[in-house]
Structure formats: C-alpha cells, structure tokens
Amino acid sequence: ETAEFTGFVQRLRTEQELTVLLIEHDMKVVMGVSDRVT
C-alpha cells in the first residue's frame, strides 16, 4: 500500500499539476518522492 501511495503522490504532481507538502515517518517514502526535505 505504501509503494502504491508513493506512486500516487508522484502522479498527483505530474497529472494534476499539484504542489505537495508531506509529513512522513517512512524514510523510504521521503527519499523516493521528495525534491526537497526540511
């Protein structure tokens, strides 16, 4: 489910032209999907 959701977030950016801010504890998700991390 986590892997599917990560791909879903990427599609929201590309297909829906959305900007996304994410709070996330799963570092695999953070490192896989983020342009920048604070």
ModelCIF file with pLDDT and N, C-alpha, C, O atoms, coordinates in Angstrom:
data_MODEL
#
_entry.id   MODEL 
#
_entity.id                         1 
_entity.type                       polymer 
_entity.pdbx_number_of_molecules   1 
#
_entity_poly.entity_id                      1 
_entity_poly.type                           'polypeptide(L)' 
_entity_poly.nstd_linkage                   no 
_entity_poly.nstd_monomer                   no 
_entity_poly.pdbx_seq_one_letter_code       ETAEFTGFVQRLRTEQELTVLLIEHDMKVVMGVSDRVT 
_entity_poly.pdbx_seq_one_letter_code_can   ETAEFTGFVQRLRTEQELTVLLIEHDMKVVMGVSDRVT 
_entity_poly.pdbx_strand_id                 A 
#
loop_
_entity_poly_seq.entity_id 
_entity_poly_seq.num 
_entity_poly_seq.mon_id 
_entity_poly_seq.hetero 
1 1  GLU n 
1 2  THR n 
1 3  ALA n 
1 4  GLU n 
1 5  PHE n 
1 6  THR n 
1 7  GLY n 
1 8  PHE n 
1 9  VAL n 
1 10 GLN n 
1 11 ARG n 
1 12 LEU n 
1 13 ARG n 
1 14 THR n 
1 15 GLU n 
1 16 GLN n 
1 17 GLU n 
1 18 LEU n 
1 19 THR n 
1 20 VAL n 
1 21 LEU n 
1 22 LEU n 
1 23 ILE n 
1 24 GLU n 
1 25 HIS n 
1 26 ASP n 
1 27 MET n 
1 28 LYS n 
1 29 VAL n 
1 30 VAL n 
1 31 MET n 
1 32 GLY n 
1 33 VAL n 
1 34 SER n 
1 35 ASP n 
1 36 ARG n 
1 37 VAL n 
1 38 THR n 
#
_struct_asym.id          A 
_struct_asym.entity_id   1 
#
loop_
_ma_qa_metric.id 
_ma_qa_metric.mode 
_ma_qa_metric.name 
_ma_qa_metric.software_group_id 
_ma_qa_metric.type 
1 global pLDDT . pLDDT 
2 local  pLDDT . pLDDT 
#
_ma_qa_metric_global.metric_id      1 
_ma_qa_metric_global.metric_value   90.05 
_ma_qa_metric_global.model_id       1 
_ma_qa_metric_global.ordinal_id     1 
#
loop_
_ma_qa_metric_local.label_asym_id 
_ma_qa_metric_local.label_comp_id 
_ma_qa_metric_local.label_seq_id 
_ma_qa_metric_local.metric_id 
_ma_qa_metric_local.metric_value 
_ma_qa_metric_local.model_id 
_ma_qa_metric_local.ordinal_id 
A GLU 1  2 86.00 1 1  
A THR 2  2 88.00 1 2  
A ALA 3  2 89.00 1 3  
A GLU 4  2 88.00 1 4  
A PHE 5  2 87.00 1 5  
A THR 6  2 88.00 1 6  
A GLY 7  2 90.00 1 7  
A PHE 8  2 89.00 1 8  
A VAL 9  2 90.00 1 9  
A GLN 10 2 90.00 1 10 
A ARG 11 2 89.00 1 11 
A LEU 12 2 89.00 1 12 
A ARG 13 2 90.00 1 13 
A THR 14 2 90.00 1 14 
A GLU 15 2 88.00 1 15 
A GLN 16 2 87.00 1 16 
A GLU 17 2 89.00 1 17 
A LEU 18 2 93.00 1 18 
A THR 19 2 96.00 1 19 
A VAL 20 2 96.00 1 20 
A LEU 21 2 96.00 1 21 
A LEU 22 2 94.00 1 22 
A ILE 23 2 92.00 1 23 
A GLU 24 2 89.00 1 24 
A HIS 25 2 85.00 1 25 
A ASP 26 2 85.00 1 26 
A MET 27 2 84.00 1 27 
A LYS 28 2 86.00 1 28 
A VAL 29 2 90.00 1 29 
A VAL 30 2 89.00 1 30 
A MET 31 2 88.00 1 31 
A GLY 32 2 89.00 1 32 
A VAL 33 2 92.00 1 33 
A SER 34 2 94.00 1 34 
A ASP 35 2 95.00 1 35 
A ARG 36 2 94.00 1 36 
A VAL 37 2 94.00 1 37 
A THR 38 2 94.00 1 38 
#
loop_
_atom_site.group_PDB 
_atom_site.id 
_atom_site.type_symbol 
_atom_site.label_atom_id 
_atom_site.label_alt_id 
_atom_site.label_comp_id 
_atom_site.label_asym_id 
_atom_site.label_entity_id 
_atom_site.label_seq_id 
_atom_site.pdbx_PDB_ins_code 
_atom_site.Cartn_x 
_atom_site.Cartn_y 
_atom_site.Cartn_z 
_atom_site.occupancy 
_atom_site.B_iso_or_equiv 
_atom_site.pdbx_formal_charge 
_atom_site.auth_seq_id 
_atom_site.auth_comp_id 
_atom_site.auth_asym_id 
_atom_site.auth_atom_id 
_atom_site.pdbx_PDB_model_num 
ATOM 1   N N  . GLU A 1 1  ? 0.833  -1.203 0.000   1.00 86.00 ? 1  GLU A N  1 
ATOM 2   C CA . GLU A 1 1  ? 0.000  0.000  0.000   1.00 86.00 ? 1  GLU A CA 1 
ATOM 3   C C  . GLU A 1 1  ? 0.866  1.251  0.000   1.00 86.00 ? 1  GLU A C  1 
ATOM 4   O O  . GLU A 1 1  ? 0.555  2.232  -0.675  1.00 86.00 ? 1  GLU A O  1 
ATOM 5   N N  . THR A 1 2  ? 1.967  1.210  0.769   1.00 88.00 ? 2  THR A N  1 
ATOM 6   C CA . THR A 1 2  ? 2.878  2.355  0.841   1.00 88.00 ? 2  THR A CA 1 
ATOM 7   C C  . THR A 1 2  ? 3.504  2.642  -0.514  1.00 88.00 ? 2  THR A C  1 
ATOM 8   O O  . THR A 1 2  ? 3.578  3.795  -0.938  1.00 88.00 ? 2  THR A O  1 
ATOM 9   N N  . ALA A 1 3  ? 3.959  1.587  -1.196  1.00 89.00 ? 3  ALA A N  1 
ATOM 10  C CA . ALA A 1 3  ? 4.569  1.758  -2.521  1.00 89.00 ? 3  ALA A CA 1 
ATOM 11  C C  . ALA A 1 3  ? 3.562  2.326  -3.512  1.00 89.00 ? 3  ALA A C  1 
ATOM 12  O O  . ALA A 1 3  ? 3.897  3.196  -4.316  1.00 89.00 ? 3  ALA A O  1 
ATOM 13  N N  . GLU A 1 4  ? 2.331  1.832  -3.453  1.00 88.00 ? 4  GLU A N  1 
ATOM 14  C CA . GLU A 1 4  ? 1.284  2.331  -4.354  1.00 88.00 ? 4  GLU A CA 1 
ATOM 15  C C  . GLU A 1 4  ? 0.974  3.794  -4.063  1.00 88.00 ? 4  GLU A C  1 
ATOM 16  O O  . GLU A 1 4  ? 0.756  4.585  -4.981  1.00 88.00 ? 4  GLU A O  1 
ATOM 17  N N  . PHE A 1 5  ? 0.955  4.147  -2.783  1.00 87.00 ? 5  PHE A N  1 
ATOM 18  C CA . PHE A 1 5  ? 0.636  5.527  -2.426  1.00 87.00 ? 5  PHE A CA 1 
ATOM 19  C C  . PHE A 1 5  ? 1.751  6.469  -2.861  1.00 87.00 ? 5  PHE A C  1 
ATOM 20  O O  . PHE A 1 5  ? 1.482  7.593  -3.284  1.00 87.00 ? 5  PHE A O  1 
ATOM 21  N N  . THR A 1 6  ? 2.998  6.019  -2.761  1.00 88.00 ? 6  THR A N  1 
ATOM 22  C CA . THR A 1 6  ? 4.124  6.837  -3.209  1.00 88.00 ? 6  THR A CA 1 
ATOM 23  C C  . THR A 1 6  ? 3.994  7.159  -4.689  1.00 88.00 ? 6  THR A C  1 
ATOM 24  O O  . THR A 1 6  ? 4.190  8.304  -5.097  1.00 88.00 ? 6  THR A O  1 
ATOM 25  N N  . GLY A 1 7  ? 3.661  6.151  -5.499  1.00 90.00 ? 7  GLY A N  1 
ATOM 26  C CA . GLY A 1 7  ? 3.449  6.384  -6.928  1.00 90.00 ? 7  GLY A CA 1 
ATOM 27  C C  . GLY A 1 7  ? 2.275  7.315  -7.183  1.00 90.00 ? 7  GLY A C  1 
ATOM 28  O O  . GLY A 1 7  ? 2.302  8.119  -8.114  1.00 90.00 ? 7  GLY A O  1 
ATOM 29  N N  . PHE A 1 8  ? 1.244  7.204  -6.351  1.00 89.00 ? 8  PHE A N  1 
ATOM 30  C CA . PHE A 1 8  ? 0.059  8.048  -6.463  1.00 89.00 ? 8  PHE A CA 1 
ATOM 31  C C  . PHE A 1 8  ? 0.413  9.511  -6.228  1.00 89.00 ? 8  PHE A C  1 
ATOM 32  O O  . PHE A 1 8  ? -0.056 10.384 -6.957  1.00 89.00 ? 8  PHE A O  1 
ATOM 33  N N  . VAL A 1 9  ? 1.234  9.788  -5.221  1.00 90.00 ? 9  VAL A N  1 
ATOM 34  C CA . VAL A 1 9  ? 1.653  11.173 -4.940  1.00 90.00 ? 9  VAL A CA 1 
ATOM 35  C C  . VAL A 1 9  ? 2.428  11.751 -6.122  1.00 90.00 ? 9  VAL A C  1 
ATOM 36  O O  . VAL A 1 9  ? 2.249  12.913 -6.485  1.00 90.00 ? 9  VAL A O  1 
ATOM 37  N N  . GLN A 1 10 ? 3.280  10.936 -6.712  1.00 90.00 ? 10 GLN A N  1 
ATOM 38  C CA . GLN A 1 10 ? 4.038  11.412 -7.875  1.00 90.00 ? 10 GLN A CA 1 
ATOM 39  C C  . GLN A 1 10 ? 3.107  11.730 -9.050  1.00 90.00 ? 10 GLN A C  1 
ATOM 40  O O  . GLN A 1 10 ? 3.336  12.686 -9.791  1.00 90.00 ? 10 GLN A O  1 
ATOM 41  N N  . ARG A 1 11 ? 2.051  10.919 -9.211  1.00 89.00 ? 11 ARG A N  1 
ATOM 42  C CA . ARG A 1 11 ? 1.099  11.177 -10.291 1.00 89.00 ? 11 ARG A CA 1 
ATOM 43  C C  . ARG A 1 11 ? 0.290  12.449 -10.038 1.00 89.00 ? 11 ARG A C  1 
ATOM 44  O O  . ARG A 1 11 ? -0.057 13.160 -10.980 1.00 89.00 ? 11 ARG A O  1 
ATOM 45  N N  . LEU A 1 12 ? -0.010 12.738 -8.771  1.00 89.00 ? 12 LEU A N  1 
ATOM 46  C CA . LEU A 1 12 ? -0.745 13.968 -8.456  1.00 89.00 ? 12 LEU A CA 1 
ATOM 47  C C  . LEU A 1 12 ? 0.045  15.180 -8.922  1.00 89.00 ? 12 LEU A C  1 
ATOM 48  O O  . LEU A 1 12 ? -0.526 16.146 -9.428  1.00 89.00 ? 12 LEU A O  1 
ATOM 49  N N  . ARG A 1 13 ? 1.343  15.128 -8.753  1.00 90.00 ? 13 ARG A N  1 
ATOM 50  C CA . ARG A 1 13 ? 2.190  16.241 -9.191  1.00 90.00 ? 13 ARG A CA 1 
ATOM 51  C C  . ARG A 1 13 ? 2.223  16.352 -10.719 1.00 90.00 ? 13 ARG A C  1 
ATOM 52  O O  . ARG A 1 13 ? 2.084  17.444 -11.272 1.00 90.00 ? 13 ARG A O  1 
ATOM 53  N N  . THR A 1 14 ? 2.403  15.231 -11.385 1.00 90.00 ? 14 THR A N  1 
ATOM 54  C CA . THR A 1 14 ? 2.569  15.287 -12.836 1.00 90.00 ? 14 THR A CA 1 
ATOM 55  C C  . THR A 1 14 ? 1.243  15.430 -13.581 1.00 90.00 ? 14 THR A C  1 
ATOM 56  O O  . THR A 1 14 ? 1.148  16.198 -14.538 1.00 90.00 ? 14 THR A O  1 
ATOM 57  N N  . GLU A 1 15 ? 0.210  14.686 -13.142 1.00 88.00 ? 15 GLU A N  1 
ATOM 58  C CA . GLU A 1 15 ? -1.059 14.675 -13.883 1.00 88.00 ? 15 GLU A CA 1 
ATOM 59  C C  . GLU A 1 15 ? -2.023 15.773 -13.434 1.00 88.00 ? 15 GLU A C  1 
ATOM 60  O O  . GLU A 1 15 ? -2.783 16.301 -14.245 1.00 88.00 ? 15 GLU A O  1 
ATOM 61  N N  . GLN A 1 16 ? -1.994 16.117 -12.148 1.00 87.00 ? 16 GLN A N  1 
ATOM 62  C CA . GLN A 1 16 ? -2.908 17.132 -11.620 1.00 87.00 ? 16 GLN A CA 1 
ATOM 63  C C  . GLN A 1 16 ? -2.222 18.480 -11.416 1.00 87.00 ? 16 GLN A C  1 
ATOM 64  O O  . GLN A 1 16 ? -2.856 19.456 -11.016 1.00 87.00 ? 16 GLN A O  1 
ATOM 65  N N  . GLU A 1 17 ? -0.925 18.523 -11.695 1.00 89.00 ? 17 GLU A N  1 
ATOM 66  C CA . GLU A 1 17 ? -0.124 19.753 -11.556 1.00 89.00 ? 17 GLU A CA 1 
ATOM 67  C C  . GLU A 1 17 ? -0.229 20.333 -10.151 1.00 89.00 ? 17 GLU A C  1 
ATOM 68  O O  . GLU A 1 17 ? -0.368 21.542 -9.969  1.00 89.00 ? 17 GLU A O  1 
ATOM 69  N N  . LEU A 1 18 ? -0.160 19.445 -9.164  1.00 93.00 ? 18 LEU A N  1 
ATOM 70  C CA . LEU A 1 18 ? -0.250 19.863 -7.772  1.00 93.00 ? 18 LEU A CA 1 
ATOM 71  C C  . LEU A 1 18 ? 1.137  20.025 -7.159  1.00 93.00 ? 18 LEU A C  1 
ATOM 72  O O  . LEU A 1 18 ? 2.095  19.363 -7.557  1.00 93.00 ? 18 LEU A O  1 
ATOM 73  N N  . THR A 1 19 ? 1.216  20.915 -6.189  1.00 96.00 ? 19 THR A N  1 
ATOM 74  C CA . THR A 1 19 ? 2.371  21.021 -5.316  1.00 96.00 ? 19 THR A CA 1 
ATOM 75  C C  . THR A 1 19 ? 2.014  20.279 -4.035  1.00 96.00 ? 19 THR A C  1 
ATOM 76  O O  . THR A 1 19 ? 0.886  20.381 -3.552  1.00 96.00 ? 19 THR A O  1 
ATOM 77  N N  . VAL A 1 20 ? 2.975  19.526 -3.478  1.00 96.00 ? 20 VAL A N  1 
ATOM 78  C CA . VAL A 1 20 ? 2.675  18.663 -2.336  1.00 96.00 ? 20 VAL A CA 1 
ATOM 79  C C  . VAL A 1 20 ? 3.652  18.927 -1.200  1.00 96.00 ? 20 VAL A C  1 
ATOM 80  O O  . VAL A 1 20 ? 4.864  19.000 -1.408  1.00 96.00 ? 20 VAL A O  1 
ATOM 81  N N  . LEU A 1 21 ? 3.100  19.072 0.019   1.00 96.00 ? 21 LEU A N  1 
ATOM 82  C CA . LEU A 1 21 ? 3.902  19.112 1.244   1.00 96.00 ? 21 LEU A CA 1 
ATOM 83  C C  . LEU A 1 21 ? 3.509  17.902 2.078   1.00 96.00 ? 21 LEU A C  1 
ATOM 84  O O  . LEU A 1 21 ? 2.329  17.667 2.338   1.00 96.00 ? 21 LEU A O  1 
ATOM 85  N N  . LEU A 1 22 ? 4.506  17.144 2.491   1.00 94.00 ? 22 LEU A N  1 
ATOM 86  C CA . LEU A 1 22 ? 4.289  15.826 3.080   1.00 94.00 ? 22 LEU A CA 1 
ATOM 87  C C  . LEU A 1 22 ? 4.961  15.748 4.446   1.00 94.00 ? 22 LEU A C  1 
ATOM 88  O O  . LEU A 1 22 ? 6.150  16.044 4.569   1.00 94.00 ? 22 LEU A O  1 
ATOM 89  N N  . ILE A 1 23 ? 4.205  15.350 5.481   1.00 92.00 ? 23 ILE A N  1 
ATOM 90  C CA . ILE A 1 23 ? 4.812  14.899 6.734   1.00 92.00 ? 23 ILE A CA 1 
ATOM 91  C C  . ILE A 1 23 ? 4.835  13.379 6.671   1.00 92.00 ? 23 ILE A C  1 
ATOM 92  O O  . ILE A 1 23 ? 3.804  12.747 6.443   1.00 92.00 ? 23 ILE A O  1 
ATOM 93  N N  . GLU A 1 24 ? 5.999  12.798 6.871   1.00 89.00 ? 24 GLU A N  1 
ATOM 94  C CA . GLU A 1 24 ? 6.098  11.348 6.694   1.00 89.00 ? 24 GLU A CA 1 
ATOM 95  C C  . GLU A 1 24 ? 7.231  10.792 7.549   1.00 89.00 ? 24 GLU A C  1 
ATOM 96  O O  . GLU A 1 24 ? 8.316  11.369 7.612   1.00 89.00 ? 24 GLU A O  1 
ATOM 97  N N  . HIS A 1 25 ? 6.963  9.656  8.212   1.00 85.00 ? 25 HIS A N  1 
ATOM 98  C CA . HIS A 1 25 ? 7.991  8.995  9.015   1.00 85.00 ? 25 HIS A CA 1 
ATOM 99  C C  . HIS A 1 25 ? 8.745  7.930  8.225   1.00 85.00 ? 25 HIS A C  1 
ATOM 100 O O  . HIS A 1 25 ? 9.881  7.593  8.561   1.00 85.00 ? 25 HIS A O  1 
ATOM 101 N N  . ASP A 1 26 ? 8.119  7.403  7.182   1.00 85.00 ? 26 ASP A N  1 
ATOM 102 C CA . ASP A 1 26 ? 8.752  6.341  6.397   1.00 85.00 ? 26 ASP A CA 1 
ATOM 103 C C  . ASP A 1 26 ? 9.822  6.970  5.497   1.00 85.00 ? 26 ASP A C  1 
ATOM 104 O O  . ASP A 1 26 ? 9.508  7.632  4.507   1.00 85.00 ? 26 ASP A O  1 
ATOM 105 N N  . MET A 1 27 ? 11.082 6.751  5.857   1.00 84.00 ? 27 MET A N  1 
ATOM 106 C CA . MET A 1 27 ? 12.178 7.394  5.123   1.00 84.00 ? 27 MET A CA 1 
ATOM 107 C C  . MET A 1 27 ? 12.302 6.880  3.692   1.00 84.00 ? 27 MET A C  1 
ATOM 108 O O  . MET A 1 27 ? 12.827 7.575  2.822   1.00 84.00 ? 27 MET A O  1 
ATOM 109 N N  . LYS A 1 28 ? 11.823 5.671  3.450   1.00 86.00 ? 28 LYS A N  1 
ATOM 110 C CA . LYS A 1 28 ? 11.855 5.159  2.079   1.00 86.00 ? 28 LYS A CA 1 
ATOM 111 C C  . LYS A 1 28 ? 10.924 5.990  1.197   1.00 86.00 ? 28 LYS A C  1 
ATOM 112 O O  . LYS A 1 28 ? 11.243 6.287  0.046   1.00 86.00 ? 28 LYS A O  1 
ATOM 113 N N  . VAL A 1 29 ? 9.768  6.360  1.752   1.00 90.00 ? 29 VAL A N  1 
ATOM 114 C CA . VAL A 1 29 ? 8.830  7.223  1.021   1.00 90.00 ? 29 VAL A CA 1 
ATOM 115 C C  . VAL A 1 29 ? 9.446  8.595  0.811   1.00 90.00 ? 29 VAL A C  1 
ATOM 116 O O  . VAL A 1 29 ? 9.433  9.126  -0.299  1.00 90.00 ? 29 VAL A O  1 
ATOM 117 N N  . VAL A 1 30 ? 9.987  9.169  1.882   1.00 89.00 ? 30 VAL A N  1 
ATOM 118 C CA . VAL A 1 30 ? 10.570 10.522 1.817   1.00 89.00 ? 30 VAL A CA 1 
ATOM 119 C C  . VAL A 1 30 ? 11.674 10.583 0.769   1.00 89.00 ? 30 VAL A C  1 
ATOM 120 O O  . VAL A 1 30 ? 11.699 11.483 -0.069  1.00 89.00 ? 30 VAL A O  1 
ATOM 121 N N  . MET A 1 31 ? 12.586 9.617  0.825   1.00 88.00 ? 31 MET A N  1 
ATOM 122 C CA . MET A 1 31 ? 13.722 9.640  -0.089  1.00 88.00 ? 31 MET A CA 1 
ATOM 123 C C  . MET A 1 31 ? 13.311 9.339  -1.532  1.00 88.00 ? 31 MET A C  1 
ATOM 124 O O  . MET A 1 31 ? 13.969 9.768  -2.479  1.00 88.00 ? 31 MET A O  1 
ATOM 125 N N  . GLY A 1 32 ? 12.209 8.594  -1.681  1.00 89.00 ? 32 GLY A N  1 
ATOM 126 C CA . GLY A 1 32 ? 11.787 8.218  -3.022  1.00 89.00 ? 32 GLY A CA 1 
ATOM 127 C C  . GLY A 1 32 ? 10.968 9.251  -3.756  1.00 89.00 ? 32 GLY A C  1 
ATOM 128 O O  . GLY A 1 32 ? 10.934 9.256  -4.986  1.00 89.00 ? 32 GLY A O  1 
ATOM 129 N N  . VAL A 1 33 ? 10.300 10.138 -3.014  1.00 92.00 ? 33 VAL A N  1 
ATOM 130 C CA . VAL A 1 33 ? 9.322  11.010 -3.657  1.00 92.00 ? 33 VAL A CA 1 
ATOM 131 C C  . VAL A 1 33 ? 9.684  12.495 -3.592  1.00 92.00 ? 33 VAL A C  1 
ATOM 132 O O  . VAL A 1 33 ? 9.147  13.288 -4.365  1.00 92.00 ? 33 VAL A O  1 
ATOM 133 N N  . SER A 1 34 ? 10.584 12.885 -2.686  1.00 94.00 ? 34 SER A N  1 
ATOM 134 C CA . SER A 1 34 ? 10.784 14.307 -2.387  1.00 94.00 ? 34 SER A CA 1 
ATOM 135 C C  . SER A 1 34 ? 11.815 14.982 -3.288  1.00 94.00 ? 34 SER A C  1 
ATOM 136 O O  . SER A 1 34 ? 12.845 14.402 -3.634  1.00 94.00 ? 34 SER A O  1 
ATOM 137 N N  . ASP A 1 35 ? 11.507 16.219 -3.654  1.00 95.00 ? 35 ASP A N  1 
ATOM 138 C CA . ASP A 1 35 ? 12.510 17.073 -4.299  1.00 95.00 ? 35 ASP A CA 1 
ATOM 139 C C  . ASP A 1 35 ? 13.395 17.722 -3.243  1.00 95.00 ? 35 ASP A C  1 
ATOM 140 O O  . ASP A 1 35 ? 14.593 17.918 -3.444  1.00 95.00 ? 35 ASP A O  1 
ATOM 141 N N  . ARG A 1 36 ? 12.768 18.051 -2.103  1.00 94.00 ? 36 ARG A N  1 
ATOM 142 C CA . ARG A 1 36 ? 13.499 18.694 -1.021  1.00 94.00 ? 36 ARG A CA 1 
ATOM 143 C C  . ARG A 1 36 ? 12.929 18.235 0.310   1.00 94.00 ? 36 ARG A C  1 
ATOM 144 O O  . ARG A 1 36 ? 11.743 17.926 0.423   1.00 94.00 ? 36 ARG A O  1 
ATOM 145 N N  . VAL A 1 37 ? 13.793 18.195 1.314   1.00 94.00 ? 37 VAL A N  1 
ATOM 146 C CA . VAL A 1 37 ? 13.390 17.751 2.647   1.00 94.00 ? 37 VAL A CA 1 
ATOM 147 C C  . VAL A 1 37 ? 13.812 18.811 3.665   1.00 94.00 ? 37 VAL A C  1 
ATOM 148 O O  . VAL A 1 37 ? 14.937 19.309 3.635   1.00 94.00 ? 37 VAL A O  1 
ATOM 149 N N  . THR A 1 38 ? 12.883 19.147 4.568   1.00 94.00 ? 38 THR A N  1 
ATOM 150 C CA . THR A 1 38 ? 13.175 20.046 5.683   1.00 94.00 ? 38 THR A CA 1 
ATOM 151 C C  . THR A 1 38 ? 13.003 19.265 6.976   1.00 94.00 ? 38 THR A C  1 
ATOM 152 O O  . THR A 1 38 ? 13.197 19.815 8.060   1.00 94.00 ? 38 THR A O  1 
#
